[in-house]
Amino acid sequence: MKNLVAYITTGFPSLEFTVDAALALGEAGVDTLELGMPFSDPVADGPVIEAANLKALQNGFKLQHLFDASAKITPHIDTLWMGYFNPFYHRGMDNFIAEAKKAGVNGFIIPDLPLEEARPYKPAVEAAGLSLIDFIAPTDTKERIEPIVTDAKKFIYLVAYAGITGAGKS
């Protein structure tokens, strides 16, 4: 089974637009939405997502906005929060799990939380009925890929190439 997954940055260009765009994506046939959490130093993202993050933050984005927007979106489309680990760490994974459950979010995509570092958090995430999406990179060995594939929930995020997202590689 193949699913269409889309990404939008929360709060860019506004929170209202985020909700409207998410609902339109669901109506257009998108199966799962990656709702991006704006972050001040998106080191793995290219210039488009970096600019969207910066504009959302300049517009006053706060994590509460993510939670509020998600509650309006999740009844209509399967939603995952995508963001860097820093906010999860500082606010606490238990708090994020509780907010995700409250808003109807189904899991997290955390690009800078590799399998080995995610292990302490996975039991609590999965006990709450959420998914913590794993990544496979082109640099991964077969030995590293095996536990990722074995333990994966929902889907596996395949990194297409080593480098920055949107860097224009073919």
N, C-alpha and C. Protein backbone atom coordinates (compact mmCIF):
# COMPACT_ATOMS: atom_id res chain seq x y z
N MET A 1 0.83 -1.18 0.00
CA MET A 1 0.00 0.00 0.00
C MET A 1 0.88 1.24 0.00
N LYS A 2 0.59 2.17 -0.87
CA LYS A 2 1.34 3.42 -0.94
C LYS A 2 0.47 4.54 -0.43
N ASN A 3 1.11 5.45 0.31
CA ASN A 3 0.41 6.61 0.83
C ASN A 3 1.11 7.87 0.35
N LEU A 4 0.33 8.91 0.18
CA LEU A 4 0.87 10.21 -0.18
C LEU A 4 1.03 11.01 1.10
N VAL A 5 2.25 11.47 1.36
CA VAL A 5 2.57 12.22 2.58
C VAL A 5 2.99 13.63 2.15
N ALA A 6 2.43 14.64 2.79
CA ALA A 6 2.77 16.03 2.49
C ALA A 6 3.35 16.70 3.74
N TYR A 7 4.08 17.78 3.52
CA TYR A 7 4.69 18.54 4.61
C TYR A 7 4.29 20.01 4.48
N ILE A 8 3.94 20.63 5.60
CA ILE A 8 3.79 22.08 5.67
C ILE A 8 4.36 22.57 7.00
N THR A 9 4.86 23.78 6.99
CA THR A 9 5.40 24.40 8.20
C THR A 9 4.28 25.11 8.95
N THR A 10 4.09 24.77 10.20
CA THR A 10 3.05 25.40 11.01
C THR A 10 3.35 26.89 11.16
N GLY A 11 2.33 27.71 10.90
CA GLY A 11 2.47 29.14 11.10
C GLY A 11 3.03 29.90 9.91
N PHE A 12 3.25 29.21 8.81
CA PHE A 12 3.74 29.90 7.61
C PHE A 12 2.71 29.82 6.51
N PRO A 13 2.26 30.89 5.96
CA PRO A 13 2.58 32.26 6.37
C PRO A 13 1.78 32.72 7.58
N SER A 14 0.76 31.92 7.97
CA SER A 14 -0.03 32.24 9.17
C SER A 14 -0.63 30.94 9.71
N LEU A 15 -1.12 30.99 10.92
CA LEU A 15 -1.78 29.80 11.49
C LEU A 15 -3.07 29.46 10.74
N GLU A 16 -3.81 30.48 10.34
CA GLU A 16 -5.04 30.24 9.60
C GLU A 16 -4.73 29.53 8.27
N PHE A 17 -3.66 29.99 7.60
CA PHE A 17 -3.28 29.36 6.34
C PHE A 17 -2.86 27.91 6.58
N THR A 18 -2.15 27.66 7.67
CA THR A 18 -1.73 26.29 7.99
C THR A 18 -2.93 25.37 8.06
N VAL A 19 -3.94 25.77 8.80
CA VAL A 19 -5.14 24.93 8.95
C VAL A 19 -5.84 24.77 7.60
N ASP A 20 -6.02 25.88 6.88
CA ASP A 20 -6.70 25.81 5.58
C ASP A 20 -5.93 24.92 4.60
N ALA A 21 -4.61 25.06 4.55
CA ALA A 21 -3.79 24.26 3.64
C ALA A 21 -3.85 22.79 4.02
N ALA A 22 -3.79 22.50 5.31
CA ALA A 22 -3.85 21.10 5.76
C ALA A 22 -5.16 20.46 5.36
N LEU A 23 -6.26 21.17 5.58
CA LEU A 23 -7.56 20.63 5.23
C LEU A 23 -7.71 20.45 3.72
N ALA A 24 -7.17 21.38 2.95
CA ALA A 24 -7.20 21.27 1.49
C ALA A 24 -6.36 20.08 1.02
N LEU A 25 -5.22 19.86 1.66
CA LEU A 25 -4.39 18.70 1.31
C LEU A 25 -5.15 17.40 1.57
N GLY A 26 -5.84 17.34 2.70
CA GLY A 26 -6.64 16.15 3.01
C GLY A 26 -7.74 15.93 1.98
N GLU A 27 -8.42 17.01 1.61
CA GLU A 27 -9.48 16.91 0.61
C GLU A 27 -8.93 16.51 -0.76
N ALA A 28 -7.68 16.87 -1.04
CA ALA A 28 -7.07 16.57 -2.33
C ALA A 28 -6.49 15.16 -2.39
N GLY A 29 -6.55 14.41 -1.28
CA GLY A 29 -6.12 13.03 -1.31
C GLY A 29 -4.84 12.70 -0.56
N VAL A 30 -4.27 13.68 0.13
CA VAL A 30 -3.08 13.39 0.93
C VAL A 30 -3.49 12.48 2.09
N ASP A 31 -2.73 11.42 2.31
CA ASP A 31 -3.06 10.45 3.35
C ASP A 31 -2.53 10.85 4.72
N THR A 32 -1.33 11.41 4.75
CA THR A 32 -0.67 11.78 6.01
C THR A 32 -0.03 13.15 5.85
N LEU A 33 -0.15 13.96 6.89
CA LEU A 33 0.44 15.29 6.91
C LEU A 33 1.58 15.34 7.91
N GLU A 34 2.73 15.80 7.46
CA GLU A 34 3.84 16.14 8.35
C GLU A 34 3.66 17.61 8.68
N LEU A 35 3.31 17.90 9.91
CA LEU A 35 3.12 19.27 10.34
C LEU A 35 4.41 19.74 11.00
N GLY A 36 5.14 20.58 10.29
CA GLY A 36 6.46 21.01 10.73
C GLY A 36 6.40 21.96 11.90
N MET A 37 7.32 21.75 12.84
CA MET A 37 7.47 22.61 14.01
C MET A 37 8.59 23.61 13.73
N PRO A 38 8.26 24.88 13.54
CA PRO A 38 9.31 25.86 13.25
C PRO A 38 10.41 25.85 14.31
N PHE A 39 11.63 25.94 13.82
CA PHE A 39 12.81 25.88 14.69
C PHE A 39 13.83 26.90 14.20
N SER A 40 14.54 27.51 15.11
CA SER A 40 15.45 28.61 14.77
C SER A 40 16.71 28.17 14.04
N ASP A 41 17.07 26.90 14.11
CA ASP A 41 18.31 26.44 13.49
C ASP A 41 18.07 25.10 12.78
N PRO A 42 17.29 25.12 11.69
CA PRO A 42 16.95 23.88 10.99
C PRO A 42 18.11 23.38 10.12
N VAL A 43 19.11 22.79 10.75
CA VAL A 43 20.37 22.46 10.09
C VAL A 43 20.25 21.44 8.96
N ALA A 44 19.22 20.61 8.96
CA ALA A 44 19.09 19.59 7.91
C ALA A 44 18.15 20.03 6.80
N ASP A 45 17.60 21.24 6.91
CA ASP A 45 16.63 21.70 5.93
C ASP A 45 17.25 22.70 4.97
N GLY A 46 16.75 22.68 3.76
CA GLY A 46 17.22 23.59 2.73
C GLY A 46 16.62 24.97 2.88
N PRO A 47 16.91 25.85 1.92
CA PRO A 47 16.54 27.26 2.04
C PRO A 47 15.03 27.51 2.07
N VAL A 48 14.22 26.70 1.43
CA VAL A 48 12.78 26.94 1.41
C VAL A 48 12.17 26.69 2.79
N ILE A 49 12.48 25.53 3.37
CA ILE A 49 11.94 25.22 4.70
C ILE A 49 12.58 26.12 5.75
N GLU A 50 13.85 26.43 5.59
CA GLU A 50 14.52 27.34 6.52
C GLU A 50 13.82 28.71 6.52
N ALA A 51 13.50 29.22 5.34
CA ALA A 51 12.83 30.52 5.25
C ALA A 51 11.42 30.45 5.86
N ALA A 52 10.71 29.34 5.63
CA ALA A 52 9.37 29.18 6.21
C ALA A 52 9.45 29.14 7.73
N ASN A 53 10.46 28.43 8.27
CA ASN A 53 10.66 28.39 9.73
C ASN A 53 10.90 29.80 10.27
N LEU A 54 11.80 30.52 9.63
CA LEU A 54 12.16 31.86 10.09
C LEU A 54 10.94 32.79 10.07
N LYS A 55 10.17 32.75 8.99
CA LYS A 55 8.99 33.62 8.88
C LYS A 55 7.94 33.26 9.95
N ALA A 56 7.73 31.96 10.17
CA ALA A 56 6.77 31.55 11.20
C ALA A 56 7.21 32.05 12.57
N LEU A 57 8.50 31.93 12.86
CA LEU A 57 9.01 32.41 14.15
C LEU A 57 8.91 33.93 14.26
N GLN A 58 9.22 34.63 13.17
CA GLN A 58 9.08 36.09 13.17
C GLN A 58 7.63 36.52 13.39
N ASN A 59 6.69 35.68 12.92
CA ASN A 59 5.27 35.97 13.09
C ASN A 59 4.77 35.60 14.49
N GLY A 60 5.68 35.11 15.35
CA GLY A 60 5.31 34.84 16.74
C GLY A 60 4.93 33.40 17.05
N PHE A 61 5.32 32.47 16.18
CA PHE A 61 4.98 31.06 16.42
C PHE A 61 5.44 30.62 17.82
N LYS A 62 4.55 29.92 18.51
CA LYS A 62 4.83 29.26 19.79
C LYS A 62 4.33 27.84 19.69
N LEU A 63 4.85 26.94 20.51
CA LEU A 63 4.42 25.54 20.46
C LEU A 63 2.92 25.39 20.67
N GLN A 64 2.33 26.24 21.48
CA GLN A 64 0.89 26.17 21.70
C GLN A 64 0.13 26.32 20.38
N HIS A 65 0.69 27.09 19.45
CA HIS A 65 0.06 27.25 18.13
C HIS A 65 0.03 25.92 17.39
N LEU A 66 1.09 25.14 17.52
CA LEU A 66 1.14 23.80 16.90
C LEU A 66 0.03 22.94 17.48
N PHE A 67 -0.10 22.96 18.80
CA PHE A 67 -1.11 22.14 19.47
C PHE A 67 -2.52 22.57 19.05
N ASP A 68 -2.77 23.87 19.01
CA ASP A 68 -4.10 24.39 18.65
C ASP A 68 -4.44 24.07 17.19
N ALA A 69 -3.50 24.31 16.29
CA ALA A 69 -3.75 24.04 14.87
C ALA A 69 -3.98 22.55 14.65
N SER A 70 -3.22 21.72 15.33
CA SER A 70 -3.34 20.27 15.18
C SER A 70 -4.73 19.79 15.55
N ALA A 71 -5.29 20.34 16.61
CA ALA A 71 -6.63 19.92 17.05
C ALA A 71 -7.68 20.19 15.98
N LYS A 72 -7.46 21.20 15.14
CA LYS A 72 -8.40 21.51 14.05
C LYS A 72 -8.15 20.64 12.82
N ILE A 73 -6.94 20.13 12.69
CA ILE A 73 -6.54 19.39 11.49
C ILE A 73 -6.76 17.89 11.63
N THR A 74 -6.42 17.33 12.79
CA THR A 74 -6.38 15.87 12.95
C THR A 74 -7.70 15.14 12.75
N PRO A 75 -8.86 15.77 12.97
CA PRO A 75 -10.08 15.02 12.67
C PRO A 75 -10.25 14.73 11.17
N HIS A 76 -9.45 15.42 10.33
CA HIS A 76 -9.63 15.33 8.89
C HIS A 76 -8.49 14.65 8.15
N ILE A 77 -7.32 14.56 8.78
CA ILE A 77 -6.17 13.97 8.10
C ILE A 77 -5.18 13.42 9.14
N ASP A 78 -4.65 12.25 8.86
CA ASP A 78 -3.63 11.65 9.71
C ASP A 78 -2.46 12.63 9.82
N THR A 79 -2.07 12.97 11.04
CA THR A 79 -1.08 14.03 11.25
C THR A 79 0.05 13.56 12.15
N LEU A 80 1.27 13.91 11.74
CA LEU A 80 2.48 13.68 12.52
C LEU A 80 3.17 15.01 12.73
N TRP A 81 3.76 15.21 13.90
CA TRP A 81 4.57 16.40 14.12
C TRP A 81 5.98 16.10 13.70
N MET A 82 6.54 16.99 12.85
CA MET A 82 7.92 16.84 12.41
C MET A 82 8.73 18.02 12.93
N GLY A 83 9.79 17.69 13.66
CA GLY A 83 10.62 18.76 14.19
C GLY A 83 11.90 18.23 14.80
N TYR A 84 12.77 19.15 15.08
CA TYR A 84 14.05 18.81 15.71
C TYR A 84 13.84 18.45 17.19
N PHE A 85 14.77 17.70 17.73
CA PHE A 85 14.60 17.14 19.07
C PHE A 85 14.65 18.19 20.18
N ASN A 86 15.30 19.30 19.95
CA ASN A 86 15.46 20.31 21.00
C ASN A 86 14.15 20.66 21.70
N PRO A 87 13.07 21.02 21.00
CA PRO A 87 11.82 21.33 21.71
C PRO A 87 11.25 20.13 22.47
N PHE A 88 11.35 18.93 21.91
CA PHE A 88 10.88 17.74 22.60
C PHE A 88 11.65 17.55 23.91
N TYR A 89 12.94 17.76 23.85
CA TYR A 89 13.80 17.58 25.02
C TYR A 89 13.49 18.63 26.09
N HIS A 90 13.42 19.89 25.67
CA HIS A 90 13.23 20.97 26.65
C HIS A 90 11.83 20.97 27.26
N ARG A 91 10.84 20.66 26.49
CA ARG A 91 9.47 20.64 27.03
C ARG A 91 9.16 19.31 27.68
N GLY A 92 9.90 18.26 27.29
CA GLY A 92 9.71 16.93 27.84
C GLY A 92 8.89 16.05 26.91
N MET A 93 9.41 14.86 26.64
CA MET A 93 8.72 13.95 25.73
C MET A 93 7.35 13.58 26.29
N ASP A 94 7.24 13.42 27.61
CA ASP A 94 5.94 13.10 28.19
C ASP A 94 4.92 14.20 27.91
N ASN A 95 5.35 15.46 27.96
CA ASN A 95 4.44 16.57 27.65
C ASN A 95 4.03 16.54 26.18
N PHE A 96 4.98 16.25 25.29
CA PHE A 96 4.65 16.18 23.87
C PHE A 96 3.69 15.02 23.59
N ILE A 97 3.91 13.90 24.25
CA ILE A 97 3.02 12.75 24.08
C ILE A 97 1.60 13.13 24.52
N ALA A 98 1.49 13.78 25.67
CA ALA A 98 0.17 14.18 26.18
C ALA A 98 -0.50 15.18 25.24
N GLU A 99 0.24 16.16 24.75
CA GLU A 99 -0.32 17.15 23.83
C GLU A 99 -0.72 16.51 22.51
N ALA A 100 0.08 15.55 22.03
CA ALA A 100 -0.24 14.85 20.78
C ALA A 100 -1.54 14.07 20.93
N LYS A 101 -1.66 13.36 22.03
CA LYS A 101 -2.89 12.59 22.28
C LYS A 101 -4.10 13.52 22.35
N LYS A 102 -3.95 14.61 23.07
CA LYS A 102 -5.04 15.57 23.24
C LYS A 102 -5.48 16.16 21.89
N ALA A 103 -4.49 16.42 21.01
CA ALA A 103 -4.79 17.04 19.72
C ALA A 103 -5.14 16.03 18.64
N GLY A 104 -4.95 14.73 18.91
CA GLY A 104 -5.27 13.72 17.91
C GLY A 104 -4.14 13.42 16.94
N VAL A 105 -2.94 13.86 17.27
CA VAL A 105 -1.76 13.60 16.44
C VAL A 105 -1.34 12.15 16.62
N ASN A 106 -0.81 11.54 15.57
CA ASN A 106 -0.51 10.11 15.60
C ASN A 106 0.96 9.75 15.78
N GLY A 107 1.83 10.76 15.88
CA GLY A 107 3.23 10.43 16.11
C GLY A 107 4.17 11.57 15.78
N PHE A 108 5.45 11.23 15.78
CA PHE A 108 6.51 12.22 15.65
C PHE A 108 7.54 11.77 14.61
N ILE A 109 8.04 12.75 13.87
CA ILE A 109 9.18 12.57 12.99
C ILE A 109 10.24 13.52 13.51
N ILE A 110 11.34 12.97 14.00
CA ILE A 110 12.39 13.79 14.62
C ILE A 110 13.71 13.46 13.90
N PRO A 111 14.05 14.24 12.88
CA PRO A 111 15.20 13.90 12.04
C PRO A 111 16.54 13.80 12.75
N ASP A 112 16.73 14.55 13.82
CA ASP A 112 18.02 14.52 14.51
C ASP A 112 18.00 13.62 15.75
N LEU A 113 17.07 12.66 15.77
CA LEU A 113 17.01 11.67 16.85
C LEU A 113 17.20 10.29 16.23
N PRO A 114 18.46 9.86 16.11
CA PRO A 114 18.71 8.56 15.47
C PRO A 114 18.19 7.40 16.32
N LEU A 115 18.06 6.26 15.67
CA LEU A 115 17.52 5.05 16.29
C LEU A 115 18.11 4.81 17.68
N GLU A 116 19.41 4.88 17.78
CA GLU A 116 20.08 4.56 19.05
C GLU A 116 19.68 5.53 20.16
N GLU A 117 19.50 6.79 19.82
CA GLU A 117 19.13 7.79 20.82
C GLU A 117 17.62 7.83 21.07
N ALA A 118 16.85 7.27 20.14
CA ALA A 118 15.40 7.24 20.29
C ALA A 118 14.93 6.11 21.20
N ARG A 119 15.76 5.10 21.40
CA ARG A 119 15.34 3.92 22.16
C ARG A 119 14.75 4.23 23.54
N PRO A 120 15.30 5.17 24.30
CA PRO A 120 14.69 5.44 25.62
C PRO A 120 13.28 6.02 25.54
N TYR A 121 12.94 6.66 24.43
CA TYR A 121 11.65 7.34 24.29
C TYR A 121 10.58 6.48 23.64
N LYS A 122 11.00 5.51 22.83
CA LYS A 122 10.05 4.71 22.05
C LYS A 122 9.00 4.00 22.90
N PRO A 123 9.34 3.39 24.03
CA PRO A 123 8.31 2.69 24.80
C PRO A 123 7.16 3.61 25.23
N ALA A 124 7.47 4.81 25.69
CA ALA A 124 6.41 5.73 26.13
C ALA A 124 5.58 6.22 24.94
N VAL A 125 6.24 6.48 23.82
CA VAL A 125 5.54 6.92 22.61
C VAL A 125 4.58 5.83 22.15
N GLU A 126 5.08 4.61 22.07
CA GLU A 126 4.26 3.50 21.58
C GLU A 126 3.19 3.09 22.58
N ALA A 127 3.46 3.20 23.88
CA ALA A 127 2.45 2.90 24.89
C ALA A 127 1.26 3.85 24.78
N ALA A 128 1.51 5.04 24.27
CA ALA A 128 0.44 6.02 24.08
C ALA A 128 -0.28 5.82 22.75
N GLY A 129 0.13 4.80 21.99
CA GLY A 129 -0.51 4.53 20.70
C GLY A 129 0.00 5.42 19.58
N LEU A 130 1.15 6.04 19.79
CA LEU A 130 1.75 6.92 18.79
C LEU A 130 2.92 6.22 18.11
N SER A 131 3.36 6.80 17.01
CA SER A 131 4.52 6.27 16.28
C SER A 131 5.67 7.25 16.37
N LEU A 132 6.87 6.72 16.48
CA LEU A 132 8.10 7.50 16.36
C LEU A 132 8.77 6.99 15.09
N ILE A 133 8.71 7.79 14.05
CA ILE A 133 9.13 7.36 12.72
C ILE A 133 10.64 7.25 12.66
N ASP A 134 11.10 6.10 12.15
CA ASP A 134 12.54 5.86 11.98
C ASP A 134 12.99 6.27 10.59
N PHE A 135 14.28 6.54 10.48
CA PHE A 135 14.90 6.97 9.23
C PHE A 135 15.89 5.92 8.75
N ILE A 136 15.97 5.77 7.44
CA ILE A 136 17.04 5.00 6.82
C ILE A 136 17.74 5.94 5.84
N ALA A 137 19.05 6.00 5.96
CA ALA A 137 19.86 6.88 5.12
C ALA A 137 20.69 6.07 4.13
N PRO A 138 21.11 6.69 3.05
CA PRO A 138 21.92 5.97 2.07
C PRO A 138 23.26 5.49 2.64
N THR A 139 23.66 6.07 3.75
CA THR A 139 24.92 5.69 4.38
C THR A 139 24.77 4.55 5.39
N ASP A 140 23.54 4.12 5.66
CA ASP A 140 23.31 3.06 6.63
C ASP A 140 23.76 1.70 6.11
N THR A 141 24.32 0.91 7.01
CA THR A 141 24.74 -0.45 6.67
C THR A 141 23.54 -1.39 6.79
N LYS A 142 23.66 -2.57 6.20
CA LYS A 142 22.59 -3.57 6.32
C LYS A 142 22.36 -3.92 7.79
N GLU A 143 23.42 -3.94 8.58
CA GLU A 143 23.30 -4.27 10.00
C GLU A 143 22.49 -3.21 10.76
N ARG A 144 22.61 -1.97 10.35
CA ARG A 144 21.86 -0.90 11.00
C ARG A 144 20.42 -0.85 10.50
N ILE A 145 20.23 -1.16 9.23
CA ILE A 145 18.89 -1.13 8.63
C ILE A 145 17.99 -2.21 9.22
N GLU A 146 18.55 -3.37 9.51
CA GLU A 146 17.74 -4.49 9.99
C GLU A 146 16.89 -4.15 11.22
N PRO A 147 17.45 -3.58 12.30
CA PRO A 147 16.59 -3.26 13.45
C PRO A 147 15.59 -2.14 13.15
N ILE A 148 15.94 -1.24 12.25
CA ILE A 148 15.01 -0.17 11.88
C ILE A 148 13.79 -0.77 11.20
N VAL A 149 14.02 -1.65 10.26
CA VAL A 149 12.92 -2.28 9.53
C VAL A 149 12.10 -3.17 10.46
N THR A 150 12.77 -3.88 11.33
CA THR A 150 12.08 -4.80 12.24
C THR A 150 11.17 -4.05 13.22
N ASP A 151 11.63 -2.92 13.73
CA ASP A 151 10.90 -2.19 14.77
C ASP A 151 10.00 -1.06 14.25
N ALA A 152 9.99 -0.82 12.94
CA ALA A 152 9.28 0.34 12.40
C ALA A 152 7.78 0.25 12.62
N LYS A 153 7.20 1.41 12.92
CA LYS A 153 5.76 1.57 13.04
C LYS A 153 5.31 2.60 12.01
N LYS A 154 4.16 2.38 11.41
CA LYS A 154 3.53 3.30 10.46
C LYS A 154 4.26 3.31 9.12
N PHE A 155 5.48 3.86 9.07
CA PHE A 155 6.29 3.83 7.86
C PHE A 155 7.73 4.15 8.23
N ILE A 156 8.61 4.01 7.27
CA ILE A 156 10.03 4.35 7.45
C ILE A 156 10.31 5.55 6.56
N TYR A 157 11.01 6.51 7.10
CA TYR A 157 11.38 7.70 6.36
C TYR A 157 12.69 7.41 5.64
N LEU A 158 12.62 7.36 4.33
CA LEU A 158 13.82 7.09 3.53
C LEU A 158 14.48 8.40 3.15
N VAL A 159 15.70 8.59 3.59
CA VAL A 159 16.47 9.76 3.24
C VAL A 159 17.04 9.49 1.85
N ALA A 160 16.72 10.34 0.90
CA ALA A 160 17.08 10.08 -0.50
C ALA A 160 18.57 10.21 -0.79
N TYR A 161 19.24 11.11 -0.08
CA TYR A 161 20.67 11.33 -0.32
C TYR A 161 21.27 11.99 0.91
N ALA A 162 22.58 11.87 1.05
CA ALA A 162 23.28 12.53 2.16
C ALA A 162 23.36 14.02 1.86
N GLY A 163 22.93 14.84 2.79
CA GLY A 163 22.99 16.28 2.59
C GLY A 163 21.75 16.98 3.08
N ILE A 164 21.61 18.22 2.70
CA ILE A 164 20.53 19.10 3.15
C ILE A 164 19.28 18.84 2.31
N THR A 165 18.11 18.78 2.97
CA THR A 165 16.83 18.64 2.27
C THR A 165 16.66 19.81 1.30
N GLY A 166 16.25 19.50 0.08
CA GLY A 166 16.00 20.55 -0.89
C GLY A 166 17.25 21.16 -1.49
N ALA A 167 18.37 20.44 -1.40
CA ALA A 167 19.64 20.98 -1.90
C ALA A 167 19.76 20.87 -3.41
N GLY A 168 18.75 20.30 -4.07
CA GLY A 168 18.76 20.26 -5.52
C GLY A 168 19.48 19.06 -6.11
N LYS A 169 19.75 18.05 -5.32
CA LYS A 169 20.38 16.84 -5.83
C LYS A 169 19.38 16.05 -6.65
N SER A 170 19.85 15.37 -7.67
CA SER A 170 18.93 14.54 -8.45
C SER A 170 18.91 13.14 -7.89
